[in-house]
Structures are given as C-alpha cells and as structure tokens.
Amino acid sequence: NDQQYVAKGNESIGWNGKFGSNDVIPGVYVYIIETVSLLNSSVPKTEFLTGDVTIIR
C-alpha cells in the first residue's frame, strides 16, 4: 500500500532533507506509534500504528 505525497500548487512547501542541520541518510526508516485513549470508556484502549518512510536522494 505505497503512498507518495506531493505538494501541488505551492512547491515552496516541502522538506529540505535535513534533521536539524544534518542531511538525512537515504534508506528505509521504520516507525511504531503507540496511542492510548479513554474515549467513551474508562478502560484505556491501546493501539499501535506502524509503517515506514523511504528517503531517496
């Protein structure tokens, strides 16, 4: 389920390829996000969001 995000209409919006002042090294970066919510319940509901981002130069 690959997705590519492209700014349309305003090419000045973007990312300069840096983290802080350092260039990000090309590669695949994996992420795991843990969320805990109490919506409509007094019992915490934990969910995990996972995926990856590929940096190409």
Protein backbone atom coordinates (compact mmCIF):
# COMPACT_ATOMS: atom_id res chain seq x y z
CA ASN A 1 0.00 0.00 0.00
CA ASP A 2 2.65 2.51 -1.11
CA GLN A 3 1.77 6.19 -0.96
CA GLN A 4 3.61 9.20 -2.29
CA TYR A 5 2.82 12.70 -1.08
CA VAL A 6 3.43 15.57 -3.47
CA ALA A 7 2.72 19.25 -2.73
CA LYS A 8 0.58 20.66 -5.53
CA GLY A 9 0.12 24.33 -6.24
CA ASN A 10 2.78 25.52 -3.80
CA GLU A 11 6.14 23.92 -4.47
CA SER A 12 7.70 26.07 -1.74
CA ILE A 13 6.13 23.70 0.79
CA GLY A 14 8.44 20.79 1.40
CA TRP A 15 11.28 19.32 3.38
CA ASN A 16 14.94 20.16 2.86
CA GLY A 17 16.13 16.61 3.60
CA LYS A 18 17.71 17.55 6.91
CA PHE A 19 17.19 16.59 10.53
CA GLY A 20 18.42 19.60 12.43
CA SER A 21 21.42 20.73 10.41
CA ASN A 22 22.39 17.23 9.20
CA ASP A 23 21.41 15.58 5.91
CA VAL A 24 19.25 12.51 6.44
CA ILE A 25 20.91 9.39 5.05
CA PRO A 26 18.89 7.68 2.27
CA GLY A 27 17.25 4.46 3.42
CA VAL A 28 14.11 2.96 4.88
CA TYR A 29 13.04 4.28 8.28
CA VAL A 30 10.52 2.27 10.30
CA TYR A 31 8.18 3.79 12.86
CA ILE A 32 5.94 2.46 15.63
CA ILE A 33 3.50 4.83 17.33
CA GLU A 34 1.67 3.73 20.48
CA THR A 35 -1.56 5.55 21.31
CA VAL A 36 -3.64 5.22 24.47
CA SER A 37 -7.13 6.70 24.59
CA LEU A 38 -10.01 6.82 27.05
CA LEU A 39 -12.68 7.92 24.57
CA ASN A 40 -16.16 6.67 25.51
CA SER A 41 -14.71 4.33 28.12
CA SER A 42 -12.95 4.32 31.45
CA VAL A 43 -10.78 1.45 30.20
CA PRO A 44 -7.69 2.58 28.28
CA LYS A 45 -7.58 1.46 24.65
CA THR A 46 -4.08 0.95 23.26
CA GLU A 47 -3.41 0.96 19.53
CA PHE A 48 -0.22 0.74 17.52
CA LEU A 49 0.38 2.47 14.20
CA THR A 50 3.29 1.14 12.17
CA GLY A 51 4.84 1.88 8.84
CA ASP A 52 7.92 3.06 7.05
CA VAL A 53 9.28 6.04 5.17
CA THR A 54 11.79 5.69 2.33
CA ILE A 55 14.28 8.52 1.80
CA ILE A 56 15.63 8.75 -1.77
CA ARG A 57 18.12 11.37 -2.94
